[in-house]
Amino acid sequence: MLLKCICHNLSAIVHAMHELGIAALWGGRGEGVVSHLTVPEQAHVRTALRFLRARCGSWQPVIKALRIDRRTLYEPPSPTLPYRVAGLAKVGVDDVLSGRFPDPRHCPHCGHVREEAAD
């Protein structure tokens, strides 16, 4: 009877974890990729990645330098990706996460420095 009760409770817990999308913690498959970065931080990391692609000429050198799989570019940024981006760019992680890198004067798509309007 006790074993049946434990198995039932365990089943309910696993079902609840699956419903919440955290089954991956036990080596199972969750319903999607979860990022522990805020939405603005994710956007800043993606902007930094696009800038590095513009500086390197293509995605291949960036992927190789960051030691990531190409599929990583199509998923929400992982919590470790900003550290890799910051290391490659030789800036602080805070600069990547806050959007200070790349410099807002640079176009994130082509790297061109925007001219300041003369006052």
Foldseek 3Di string as FASTA:
>chain_A
DVVVVVVVVVVVVCVVCQVVQNNCVVVDGGPADDAPADPLLQVLLLLLLLQVCLVVVHNVVVCVQLVHDPCCNVGRHHPCSLVSSCVVVVHDSCCSRVNPPPPPQARSNNRDGHDDDDD
